N, C-alpha and C. Protein backbone atom coordinates (compact mmCIF):
# COMPACT_ATOMS: atom_id res chain seq x y z
N MET A 1 100.37 137.38 80.50
CA MET A 1 100.05 138.66 81.04
C MET A 1 98.69 138.54 81.71
N SER A 2 98.57 139.01 82.93
CA SER A 2 97.30 138.96 83.63
C SER A 2 96.37 140.01 83.05
N ASN A 3 95.14 139.60 82.79
CA ASN A 3 94.17 140.48 82.18
C ASN A 3 92.79 139.89 82.43
N PHE A 4 91.76 140.65 82.09
CA PHE A 4 90.41 140.12 82.18
C PHE A 4 90.16 139.22 80.98
N ALA A 5 89.59 138.06 81.23
CA ALA A 5 89.35 137.11 80.15
C ALA A 5 88.35 137.66 79.14
N SER A 6 87.38 138.46 79.58
CA SER A 6 86.39 139.06 78.68
C SER A 6 85.96 140.40 79.25
N SER A 7 85.87 141.42 78.40
CA SER A 7 85.44 142.73 78.86
C SER A 7 83.93 142.81 78.97
N ARG A 8 83.19 141.92 78.31
CA ARG A 8 81.72 141.93 78.33
C ARG A 8 81.15 141.15 79.50
N ASP A 9 81.98 140.42 80.20
CA ASP A 9 81.52 139.58 81.29
C ASP A 9 81.04 140.45 82.46
N GLN A 10 79.89 140.11 83.05
CA GLN A 10 79.36 140.85 84.19
C GLN A 10 80.16 140.58 85.46
N ASN A 11 80.80 139.42 85.55
CA ASN A 11 81.65 139.06 86.69
C ASN A 11 83.06 138.78 86.18
N PRO A 12 83.83 139.84 85.91
CA PRO A 12 85.16 139.61 85.31
C PRO A 12 86.10 138.87 86.26
N VAL A 13 86.91 138.01 85.67
CA VAL A 13 87.89 137.22 86.41
C VAL A 13 89.26 137.51 85.82
N VAL A 14 90.23 137.76 86.68
CA VAL A 14 91.59 138.01 86.21
C VAL A 14 92.24 136.68 85.88
N ARG A 15 92.76 136.55 84.66
CA ARG A 15 93.43 135.33 84.21
C ARG A 15 94.64 135.71 83.38
N ASP A 16 95.51 134.73 83.19
CA ASP A 16 96.64 134.94 82.29
C ASP A 16 96.14 134.77 80.87
N VAL A 17 96.25 135.82 80.08
CA VAL A 17 95.82 135.81 78.69
C VAL A 17 97.07 135.99 77.84
N LYS A 18 97.24 135.15 76.84
CA LYS A 18 98.40 135.25 75.96
C LYS A 18 98.02 136.00 74.69
N TYR A 19 98.86 136.96 74.34
CA TYR A 19 98.71 137.71 73.11
C TYR A 19 99.87 137.33 72.20
N TYR A 20 99.60 137.22 70.91
CA TYR A 20 100.65 136.90 69.95
C TYR A 20 100.68 137.98 68.89
N GLY A 21 101.89 138.40 68.52
CA GLY A 21 102.02 139.45 67.53
C GLY A 21 103.44 139.57 67.05
N VAL A 22 103.71 140.67 66.36
CA VAL A 22 105.05 140.97 65.87
C VAL A 22 105.45 142.35 66.36
N VAL A 23 106.74 142.52 66.66
CA VAL A 23 107.27 143.79 67.12
C VAL A 23 107.42 144.72 65.92
N GLU A 24 106.80 145.89 66.00
CA GLU A 24 106.90 146.89 64.94
C GLU A 24 107.93 147.96 65.28
N ASP A 25 108.10 148.26 66.57
CA ASP A 25 109.02 149.31 66.98
C ASP A 25 109.48 149.04 68.40
N ILE A 26 110.71 149.46 68.72
CA ILE A 26 111.25 149.33 70.07
C ILE A 26 111.53 150.74 70.57
N ILE A 27 110.97 151.06 71.73
CA ILE A 27 111.09 152.41 72.29
C ILE A 27 111.75 152.31 73.65
N GLU A 28 112.80 153.12 73.87
CA GLU A 28 113.45 153.16 75.17
C GLU A 28 113.09 154.49 75.83
N LEU A 29 112.47 154.42 77.01
CA LEU A 29 112.12 155.61 77.78
C LEU A 29 113.20 155.83 78.82
N ASP A 30 113.78 157.03 78.83
CA ASP A 30 114.83 157.38 79.78
C ASP A 30 114.25 158.41 80.74
N TYR A 31 114.12 158.06 81.99
CA TYR A 31 113.55 158.94 83.00
C TYR A 31 114.67 159.74 83.67
N PHE A 32 115.20 160.73 82.92
CA PHE A 32 116.21 161.67 83.39
C PHE A 32 117.40 160.99 84.04
N GLY A 33 117.81 159.86 83.50
CA GLY A 33 118.98 159.16 83.99
C GLY A 33 118.75 158.32 85.23
N HIS A 34 117.55 158.37 85.81
CA HIS A 34 117.28 157.57 87.02
C HIS A 34 117.06 156.10 86.68
N PHE A 35 116.27 155.85 85.65
CA PHE A 35 116.08 154.48 85.17
C PHE A 35 115.54 154.53 83.75
N LYS A 36 115.66 153.40 83.08
CA LYS A 36 115.19 153.28 81.70
C LYS A 36 114.17 152.16 81.62
N MET A 37 113.27 152.28 80.66
CA MET A 37 112.25 151.27 80.43
C MET A 37 112.13 151.05 78.92
N VAL A 38 112.05 149.80 78.52
CA VAL A 38 111.92 149.46 77.10
C VAL A 38 110.49 149.02 76.83
N LEU A 39 109.89 149.61 75.78
CA LEU A 39 108.55 149.25 75.34
C LEU A 39 108.63 148.70 73.93
N PHE A 40 107.78 147.73 73.63
CA PHE A 40 107.63 147.23 72.27
C PHE A 40 106.27 147.68 71.76
N ARG A 41 106.26 148.24 70.54
CA ARG A 41 104.99 148.53 69.86
C ARG A 41 104.73 147.36 68.93
N CYS A 42 103.59 146.70 69.12
CA CYS A 42 103.33 145.44 68.41
C CYS A 42 102.03 145.50 67.63
N ASN A 43 101.94 144.67 66.62
CA ASN A 43 100.68 144.35 65.97
C ASN A 43 100.25 143.00 66.51
N TRP A 44 99.05 142.95 67.12
CA TRP A 44 98.55 141.73 67.74
C TRP A 44 97.65 141.00 66.76
N PHE A 45 97.75 139.67 66.74
CA PHE A 45 96.97 138.84 65.82
C PHE A 45 95.84 138.13 66.55
N GLN A 46 94.78 137.85 65.81
CA GLN A 46 93.71 137.01 66.33
C GLN A 46 94.25 135.59 66.45
N VAL A 47 93.95 134.94 67.56
CA VAL A 47 94.50 133.61 67.85
C VAL A 47 93.35 132.62 67.97
N GLU A 48 93.58 131.42 67.45
CA GLU A 48 92.58 130.35 67.54
C GLU A 48 93.31 129.02 67.77
N GLN A 49 92.57 128.04 68.21
CA GLN A 49 93.11 126.69 68.41
C GLN A 49 92.62 125.80 67.27
N ASP A 50 93.52 124.97 66.72
CA ASP A 50 93.08 124.04 65.68
C ASP A 50 92.53 122.77 66.34
N GLU A 51 92.13 121.80 65.53
CA GLU A 51 91.51 120.59 66.08
C GLU A 51 92.46 119.74 66.90
N PHE A 52 93.78 119.98 66.79
CA PHE A 52 94.77 119.22 67.55
C PHE A 52 95.23 119.97 68.80
N GLY A 53 94.64 121.15 69.06
CA GLY A 53 95.01 121.93 70.23
C GLY A 53 96.20 122.83 70.03
N LEU A 54 96.67 122.98 68.80
CA LEU A 54 97.80 123.86 68.51
C LEU A 54 97.30 125.30 68.34
N THR A 55 98.11 126.25 68.75
CA THR A 55 97.75 127.66 68.66
C THR A 55 98.12 128.20 67.30
N CYS A 56 97.14 128.83 66.63
CA CYS A 56 97.36 129.44 65.31
C CYS A 56 97.11 130.93 65.41
N ALA A 57 97.98 131.72 64.79
CA ALA A 57 97.79 133.17 64.70
C ALA A 57 97.35 133.48 63.29
N ASN A 58 96.27 134.25 63.16
CA ASN A 58 95.75 134.65 61.85
C ASN A 58 96.39 135.99 61.49
N PHE A 59 97.34 135.99 60.56
CA PHE A 59 98.08 137.20 60.22
C PHE A 59 97.23 138.22 59.46
N LYS A 60 96.07 137.82 58.97
CA LYS A 60 95.19 138.76 58.26
C LYS A 60 94.25 139.50 59.21
N ARG A 61 94.14 139.04 60.44
CA ARG A 61 93.20 139.65 61.38
C ARG A 61 93.96 140.23 62.57
N LEU A 62 94.07 141.55 62.61
CA LEU A 62 94.70 142.23 63.74
C LEU A 62 93.65 142.50 64.80
N CYS A 63 94.09 142.52 66.04
CA CYS A 63 93.19 142.84 67.15
C CYS A 63 93.94 143.69 68.17
N TYR A 64 93.22 144.25 69.11
CA TYR A 64 93.79 145.10 70.17
C TYR A 64 94.62 146.23 69.57
N THR A 65 94.15 146.82 68.48
CA THR A 65 94.90 147.89 67.81
C THR A 65 94.98 149.15 68.66
N ASN A 66 94.09 149.32 69.63
CA ASN A 66 94.14 150.49 70.50
C ASN A 66 95.09 150.30 71.68
N ASP A 67 95.72 149.14 71.81
CA ASP A 67 96.64 148.86 72.91
C ASP A 67 97.89 148.15 72.37
N PRO A 68 98.73 148.86 71.60
CA PRO A 68 99.84 148.19 70.93
C PRO A 68 101.11 148.03 71.78
N PHE A 69 101.19 148.66 72.95
CA PHE A 69 102.44 148.69 73.70
C PHE A 69 102.48 147.62 74.79
N VAL A 70 103.69 147.09 74.98
CA VAL A 70 103.93 146.11 76.03
C VAL A 70 105.36 146.33 76.53
N MET A 71 105.57 146.13 77.83
CA MET A 71 106.91 146.27 78.38
C MET A 71 107.75 145.05 78.02
N ALA A 72 109.04 145.26 77.86
CA ALA A 72 109.93 144.19 77.42
C ALA A 72 109.97 143.02 78.41
N ASN A 73 109.79 143.29 79.69
CA ASN A 73 109.84 142.20 80.68
C ASN A 73 108.55 141.39 80.73
N GLN A 74 107.55 141.75 79.92
CA GLN A 74 106.28 141.02 79.90
C GLN A 74 106.17 140.06 78.72
N VAL A 75 107.18 139.96 77.90
CA VAL A 75 107.06 139.18 76.67
C VAL A 75 108.05 138.03 76.63
N ASN A 76 107.73 137.05 75.81
CA ASN A 76 108.63 135.94 75.48
C ASN A 76 108.69 135.83 73.97
N GLN A 77 109.81 135.39 73.47
CA GLN A 77 109.97 135.23 72.02
C GLN A 77 109.29 133.95 71.56
N VAL A 78 108.58 134.04 70.45
CA VAL A 78 107.98 132.88 69.81
C VAL A 78 108.35 132.91 68.33
N PHE A 79 108.17 131.78 67.68
CA PHE A 79 108.38 131.68 66.24
C PHE A 79 107.07 131.25 65.62
N TYR A 80 106.88 131.64 64.37
CA TYR A 80 105.67 131.28 63.65
C TYR A 80 106.04 130.38 62.48
N VAL A 81 105.26 129.31 62.30
CA VAL A 81 105.44 128.40 61.17
C VAL A 81 104.18 128.49 60.32
N GLN A 82 104.36 128.85 59.05
CA GLN A 82 103.22 129.06 58.16
C GLN A 82 102.52 127.75 57.83
N ASP A 83 101.19 127.78 57.87
CA ASP A 83 100.38 126.63 57.48
C ASP A 83 100.54 126.42 55.99
N SER A 84 100.73 125.18 55.57
CA SER A 84 100.98 124.90 54.15
C SER A 84 99.73 125.06 53.30
N LYS A 85 98.55 124.95 53.89
CA LYS A 85 97.31 125.08 53.12
C LYS A 85 96.72 126.48 53.21
N GLU A 86 96.61 127.01 54.41
CA GLU A 86 96.05 128.34 54.61
C GLU A 86 97.20 129.29 54.94
N LYS A 87 97.65 130.04 53.95
CA LYS A 87 98.87 130.84 54.06
C LYS A 87 98.78 131.95 55.10
N HIS A 88 97.58 132.39 55.46
CA HIS A 88 97.43 133.45 56.45
C HIS A 88 97.51 132.93 57.89
N LEU A 89 97.43 131.62 58.08
CA LEU A 89 97.55 131.03 59.41
C LEU A 89 98.99 130.64 59.68
N HIS A 90 99.45 130.93 60.89
CA HIS A 90 100.80 130.59 61.31
C HIS A 90 100.72 129.92 62.68
N TYR A 91 101.36 128.76 62.81
CA TYR A 91 101.38 128.05 64.08
C TYR A 91 102.41 128.69 65.00
N VAL A 92 102.06 128.79 66.27
CA VAL A 92 102.92 129.43 67.27
C VAL A 92 103.85 128.38 67.86
N MET A 93 105.15 128.65 67.82
CA MET A 93 106.16 127.78 68.41
C MET A 93 106.81 128.55 69.56
N GLU A 94 106.50 128.15 70.78
CA GLU A 94 107.07 128.82 71.94
C GLU A 94 108.44 128.22 72.23
N THR A 95 109.37 129.06 72.65
CA THR A 95 110.73 128.61 72.91
C THR A 95 111.13 128.96 74.33
N ILE A 96 112.15 128.27 74.80
CA ILE A 96 112.77 128.57 76.08
C ILE A 96 114.18 129.04 75.77
N PRO A 97 114.58 130.20 76.26
CA PRO A 97 115.94 130.68 75.98
C PRO A 97 116.98 129.65 76.41
N GLY A 98 118.08 129.56 75.65
CA GLY A 98 119.11 128.57 75.92
C GLY A 98 119.81 128.73 77.25
N ASP A 99 119.86 129.96 77.78
CA ASP A 99 120.56 130.19 79.03
C ASP A 99 119.60 130.36 80.21
N PHE A 100 118.37 129.90 80.08
CA PHE A 100 117.37 130.06 81.13
C PHE A 100 117.19 128.75 81.88
N PHE A 101 117.32 128.82 83.19
CA PHE A 101 117.11 127.65 84.04
C PHE A 101 116.14 128.05 85.15
N ASP A 102 114.99 127.40 85.22
CA ASP A 102 114.00 127.71 86.24
C ASP A 102 114.39 127.00 87.52
N MET A 103 114.98 127.73 88.45
CA MET A 103 115.49 127.15 89.69
C MET A 103 114.58 127.48 90.87
N SER A 104 113.31 127.70 90.62
CA SER A 104 112.39 128.07 91.69
C SER A 104 112.16 126.87 92.61
N GLU A 105 111.78 127.17 93.85
CA GLU A 105 111.50 126.12 94.83
C GLU A 105 110.30 125.28 94.40
N GLU A 106 109.38 125.91 93.68
CA GLU A 106 108.18 125.21 93.26
C GLU A 106 108.53 124.03 92.36
N SER A 107 109.48 124.20 91.45
CA SER A 107 109.83 123.11 90.54
C SER A 107 110.77 122.10 91.19
N ASN A 108 111.50 122.50 92.25
CA ASN A 108 112.45 121.60 92.90
C ASN A 108 111.97 121.21 94.30
N GLY A 109 110.67 121.21 94.53
CA GLY A 109 110.13 120.99 95.87
C GLY A 109 110.55 119.67 96.49
N ASP A 110 110.48 118.56 95.79
CA ASP A 110 110.81 117.25 96.34
C ASP A 110 111.97 116.67 95.54
N VAL A 111 113.16 117.13 95.83
CA VAL A 111 114.32 116.72 95.06
C VAL A 111 114.71 115.29 95.36
N GLY A 112 114.52 114.84 96.58
CA GLY A 112 114.90 113.47 96.93
C GLY A 112 116.35 113.41 97.35
N VAL A 113 117.01 112.30 97.06
CA VAL A 113 118.39 112.11 97.49
C VAL A 113 119.35 112.82 96.56
N SER A 114 120.59 112.94 97.00
CA SER A 114 121.61 113.65 96.24
C SER A 114 121.85 112.98 94.89
N TYR A 115 121.95 113.80 93.86
CA TYR A 115 122.17 113.28 92.51
C TYR A 115 123.52 112.59 92.39
N TRP A 116 124.52 113.12 93.04
CA TRP A 116 125.88 112.61 92.85
C TRP A 116 126.14 111.33 93.63
N ASN A 117 125.49 111.14 94.76
CA ASN A 117 125.83 110.03 95.63
C ASN A 117 124.90 108.84 95.56
N GLU A 118 123.66 109.07 95.23
CA GLU A 118 122.66 108.02 95.29
C GLU A 118 121.95 107.89 93.95
N SER A 119 121.20 106.80 93.83
CA SER A 119 120.39 106.64 92.63
C SER A 119 119.18 107.56 92.72
N ALA A 120 118.57 107.83 91.59
CA ALA A 120 117.41 108.72 91.54
C ALA A 120 116.24 108.10 92.28
N SER A 121 115.34 108.95 92.76
CA SER A 121 114.20 108.47 93.54
C SER A 121 113.14 107.80 92.68
N ASP A 122 113.22 107.92 91.36
CA ASP A 122 112.21 107.30 90.51
C ASP A 122 112.54 105.84 90.17
N GLY A 123 113.67 105.33 90.63
CA GLY A 123 113.99 103.93 90.45
C GLY A 123 114.65 103.60 89.13
N VAL A 124 114.95 104.57 88.29
CA VAL A 124 115.60 104.31 87.01
C VAL A 124 117.10 104.20 87.24
N ARG A 125 117.71 103.17 86.68
CA ARG A 125 119.14 102.97 86.83
C ARG A 125 119.91 104.04 86.08
N PRO A 126 121.06 104.51 86.61
CA PRO A 126 121.88 105.44 85.85
C PRO A 126 122.35 104.79 84.55
N GLY A 127 122.26 105.52 83.46
CA GLY A 127 122.68 105.01 82.17
C GLY A 127 121.64 104.18 81.46
N ALA A 128 120.51 103.90 82.11
CA ALA A 128 119.47 103.10 81.47
C ALA A 128 118.69 103.97 80.49
N THR A 129 118.32 103.39 79.39
CA THR A 129 117.48 104.11 78.44
C THR A 129 116.04 103.73 78.68
N VAL A 130 115.15 104.53 78.12
CA VAL A 130 113.72 104.28 78.30
C VAL A 130 113.35 102.91 77.76
N ALA A 131 113.94 102.54 76.62
CA ALA A 131 113.60 101.26 75.99
C ALA A 131 114.02 100.07 76.85
N ASP A 132 115.02 100.26 77.72
CA ASP A 132 115.46 99.16 78.58
C ASP A 132 114.41 98.79 79.62
N ASP A 133 113.70 99.78 80.15
CA ASP A 133 112.82 99.54 81.28
C ASP A 133 111.33 99.62 80.96
N TYR A 134 110.96 100.25 79.87
CA TYR A 134 109.56 100.48 79.59
C TYR A 134 109.23 100.09 78.16
N ASP A 135 107.98 99.73 77.95
CA ASP A 135 107.48 99.47 76.61
C ASP A 135 106.98 100.80 76.06
N VAL A 136 107.71 101.38 75.11
CA VAL A 136 107.40 102.71 74.60
C VAL A 136 106.79 102.60 73.22
N SER A 137 105.69 103.31 73.03
CA SER A 137 105.06 103.38 71.71
C SER A 137 105.49 104.68 71.05
N TRP A 138 106.00 104.59 69.84
CA TRP A 138 106.45 105.77 69.11
C TRP A 138 105.36 106.29 68.19
N LEU A 139 104.16 105.74 68.28
CA LEU A 139 103.04 106.18 67.46
C LEU A 139 102.03 106.90 68.33
N ARG A 140 101.42 107.96 67.76
CA ARG A 140 100.35 108.66 68.46
C ARG A 140 99.05 107.95 68.17
N GLU A 141 98.41 107.47 69.19
CA GLU A 141 97.16 106.75 69.02
C GLU A 141 95.95 107.63 69.32
N ASP A 142 96.19 108.89 69.75
CA ASP A 142 95.08 109.77 70.08
C ASP A 142 94.62 110.61 68.89
N LEU A 143 95.29 110.48 67.73
CA LEU A 143 94.94 111.22 66.53
C LEU A 143 94.69 110.26 65.38
N PRO A 144 93.83 110.65 64.44
CA PRO A 144 93.64 109.79 63.26
C PRO A 144 94.90 109.80 62.40
N ALA A 145 95.13 108.71 61.71
CA ALA A 145 96.32 108.59 60.85
C ALA A 145 96.22 109.54 59.67
N THR A 146 97.36 110.06 59.25
CA THR A 146 97.43 110.90 58.06
C THR A 146 98.24 110.14 57.02
N ILE A 147 97.64 109.89 55.87
CA ILE A 147 98.30 109.15 54.81
C ILE A 147 98.84 110.15 53.80
N VAL A 148 100.13 110.01 53.49
CA VAL A 148 100.79 110.92 52.57
C VAL A 148 101.34 110.11 51.41
N ASP A 149 101.05 110.53 50.18
CA ASP A 149 101.60 109.87 49.00
C ASP A 149 103.05 110.29 48.82
N VAL A 150 103.93 109.31 48.57
CA VAL A 150 105.33 109.59 48.34
C VAL A 150 105.51 109.96 46.88
N PRO A 151 106.18 111.08 46.58
CA PRO A 151 106.41 111.45 45.18
C PRO A 151 107.22 110.38 44.46
N GLU A 152 106.98 110.25 43.16
CA GLU A 152 107.61 109.22 42.34
C GLU A 152 109.14 109.33 42.36
N TYR A 153 109.66 110.56 42.31
CA TYR A 153 111.12 110.72 42.26
C TYR A 153 111.79 110.21 43.54
N MET A 154 111.09 110.27 44.68
CA MET A 154 111.68 109.75 45.91
C MET A 154 111.74 108.23 45.89
N LEU A 155 110.73 107.60 45.31
CA LEU A 155 110.76 106.15 45.18
C LEU A 155 111.89 105.72 44.27
N GLU A 156 112.13 106.48 43.20
CA GLU A 156 113.24 106.16 42.28
C GLU A 156 114.58 106.32 42.97
N MET A 157 114.70 107.34 43.83
CA MET A 157 115.97 107.55 44.54
C MET A 157 116.24 106.40 45.49
N GLN A 158 115.21 105.86 46.13
CA GLN A 158 115.40 104.74 47.05
C GLN A 158 115.77 103.47 46.31
N ALA A 159 115.26 103.31 45.08
CA ALA A 159 115.52 102.10 44.31
C ALA A 159 116.85 102.16 43.57
N ALA A 160 117.45 103.33 43.43
CA ALA A 160 118.70 103.48 42.68
C ALA A 160 119.83 102.74 43.41
N PRO A 161 120.66 102.00 42.67
CA PRO A 161 121.77 101.29 43.32
C PRO A 161 122.83 102.27 43.80
N GLU A 162 123.48 101.90 44.89
CA GLU A 162 124.55 102.74 45.40
C GLU A 162 125.79 102.56 44.53
N ILE A 163 126.51 103.64 44.32
CA ILE A 163 127.72 103.61 43.51
C ILE A 163 128.90 103.40 44.43
N ASP A 164 129.72 102.39 44.09
CA ASP A 164 130.91 102.10 44.88
C ASP A 164 132.06 102.91 44.30
N ASP A 165 132.44 103.97 45.00
CA ASP A 165 133.52 104.82 44.51
C ASP A 165 134.76 104.71 45.40
N SER A 166 134.87 103.63 46.17
CA SER A 166 136.00 103.48 47.08
C SER A 166 137.32 103.34 46.34
N ASP A 167 137.31 102.72 45.13
CA ASP A 167 138.56 102.57 44.39
C ASP A 167 138.90 103.82 43.59
N ASP A 168 137.99 104.79 43.52
CA ASP A 168 138.25 106.03 42.79
C ASP A 168 139.04 107.04 43.61
N GLU A 169 139.15 106.79 44.89
CA GLU A 169 139.84 107.75 45.74
C GLU A 169 141.34 107.69 45.46
N ILE A 170 141.91 108.84 45.24
CA ILE A 170 143.35 108.95 45.04
C ILE A 170 143.90 109.70 46.24
N GLU A 171 144.85 109.07 46.91
CA GLU A 171 145.39 109.68 48.11
C GLU A 171 146.50 110.64 47.72
N ASP A 172 146.38 111.86 48.23
CA ASP A 172 147.36 112.90 47.93
C ASP A 172 148.26 113.07 49.15
N ASN A 173 149.51 112.64 49.04
CA ASN A 173 150.46 112.72 50.15
C ASN A 173 151.42 113.89 50.01
N THR A 174 151.11 114.83 49.14
CA THR A 174 152.01 115.96 48.90
C THR A 174 152.27 116.74 50.18
N LEU A 175 151.23 117.04 50.91
CA LEU A 175 151.39 117.81 52.13
C LEU A 175 152.19 117.02 53.16
N TRP A 176 151.94 115.72 53.26
CA TRP A 176 152.67 114.88 54.21
C TRP A 176 154.15 114.83 53.85
N ASP A 177 154.47 114.68 52.55
CA ASP A 177 155.86 114.67 52.11
C ASP A 177 156.53 116.01 52.42
N PHE A 178 155.83 117.10 52.22
CA PHE A 178 156.36 118.43 52.49
C PHE A 178 156.67 118.58 53.97
N MET A 179 155.79 118.08 54.83
CA MET A 179 156.00 118.20 56.27
C MET A 179 157.20 117.36 56.70
N GLN A 180 157.38 116.17 56.12
CA GLN A 180 158.51 115.33 56.49
C GLN A 180 159.82 115.96 56.04
N GLU A 181 159.84 116.59 54.85
CA GLU A 181 161.05 117.26 54.38
C GLU A 181 161.43 118.39 55.32
N SER A 182 160.44 119.13 55.80
CA SER A 182 160.71 120.25 56.71
C SER A 182 161.30 119.75 58.01
N GLU A 183 160.81 118.62 58.52
CA GLU A 183 161.34 118.06 59.76
C GLU A 183 162.78 117.60 59.57
N ASP A 184 163.09 116.98 58.40
CA ASP A 184 164.45 116.52 58.14
C ASP A 184 165.40 117.70 58.06
N GLU A 185 164.97 118.79 57.41
CA GLU A 185 165.81 119.99 57.31
C GLU A 185 166.04 120.60 58.68
N ALA A 186 165.03 120.58 59.52
CA ALA A 186 165.16 121.16 60.86
C ALA A 186 166.14 120.35 61.69
N LEU A 187 166.20 119.03 61.48
CA LEU A 187 167.12 118.20 62.24
C LEU A 187 168.56 118.39 61.78
N GLU A 188 168.78 118.75 60.52
CA GLU A 188 170.13 118.92 60.00
C GLU A 188 170.80 120.17 60.53
N ILE A 189 170.06 121.11 61.00
CA ILE A 189 170.63 122.39 61.45
C ILE A 189 171.36 122.23 62.70
């Protein structure tokens, strides 16, 4: 949503500011049958960035209480994942709707050659996987390592021998026999 980045700034600049909250009420305004407008009444949360650049919403700190309304076409759905250590913090998970495809010219500016007739312009062979052409690292090297102790019961589960129950299976052919009898009876008619 476009807004002023700060109300105290002497030289305000219009920027896209993201607000995170929960919907408390849905209001439909009907303008005498000419058109309708949907408003959401929301509680807005204070938002901060953690040391990894992830967005956290503080559910204990509400803000913008004097401006709770937003039009339905101005919002996107997000999910919150609770922090395991600080229960009042929730990480913001932004989603893209399953049926949404951004087909703007801006994203498709340099399409290159036809997808169906020619190879892609990036030089990757059709059907090639990333591992075939590139050396890929599956580890994040930009963050410090996090060491987690494995609980004892999980180690015991890994060490437990697998049980061979293949000879315990008893095949039940009752349904198959019933179906064959029905076919034989149908042929006799």
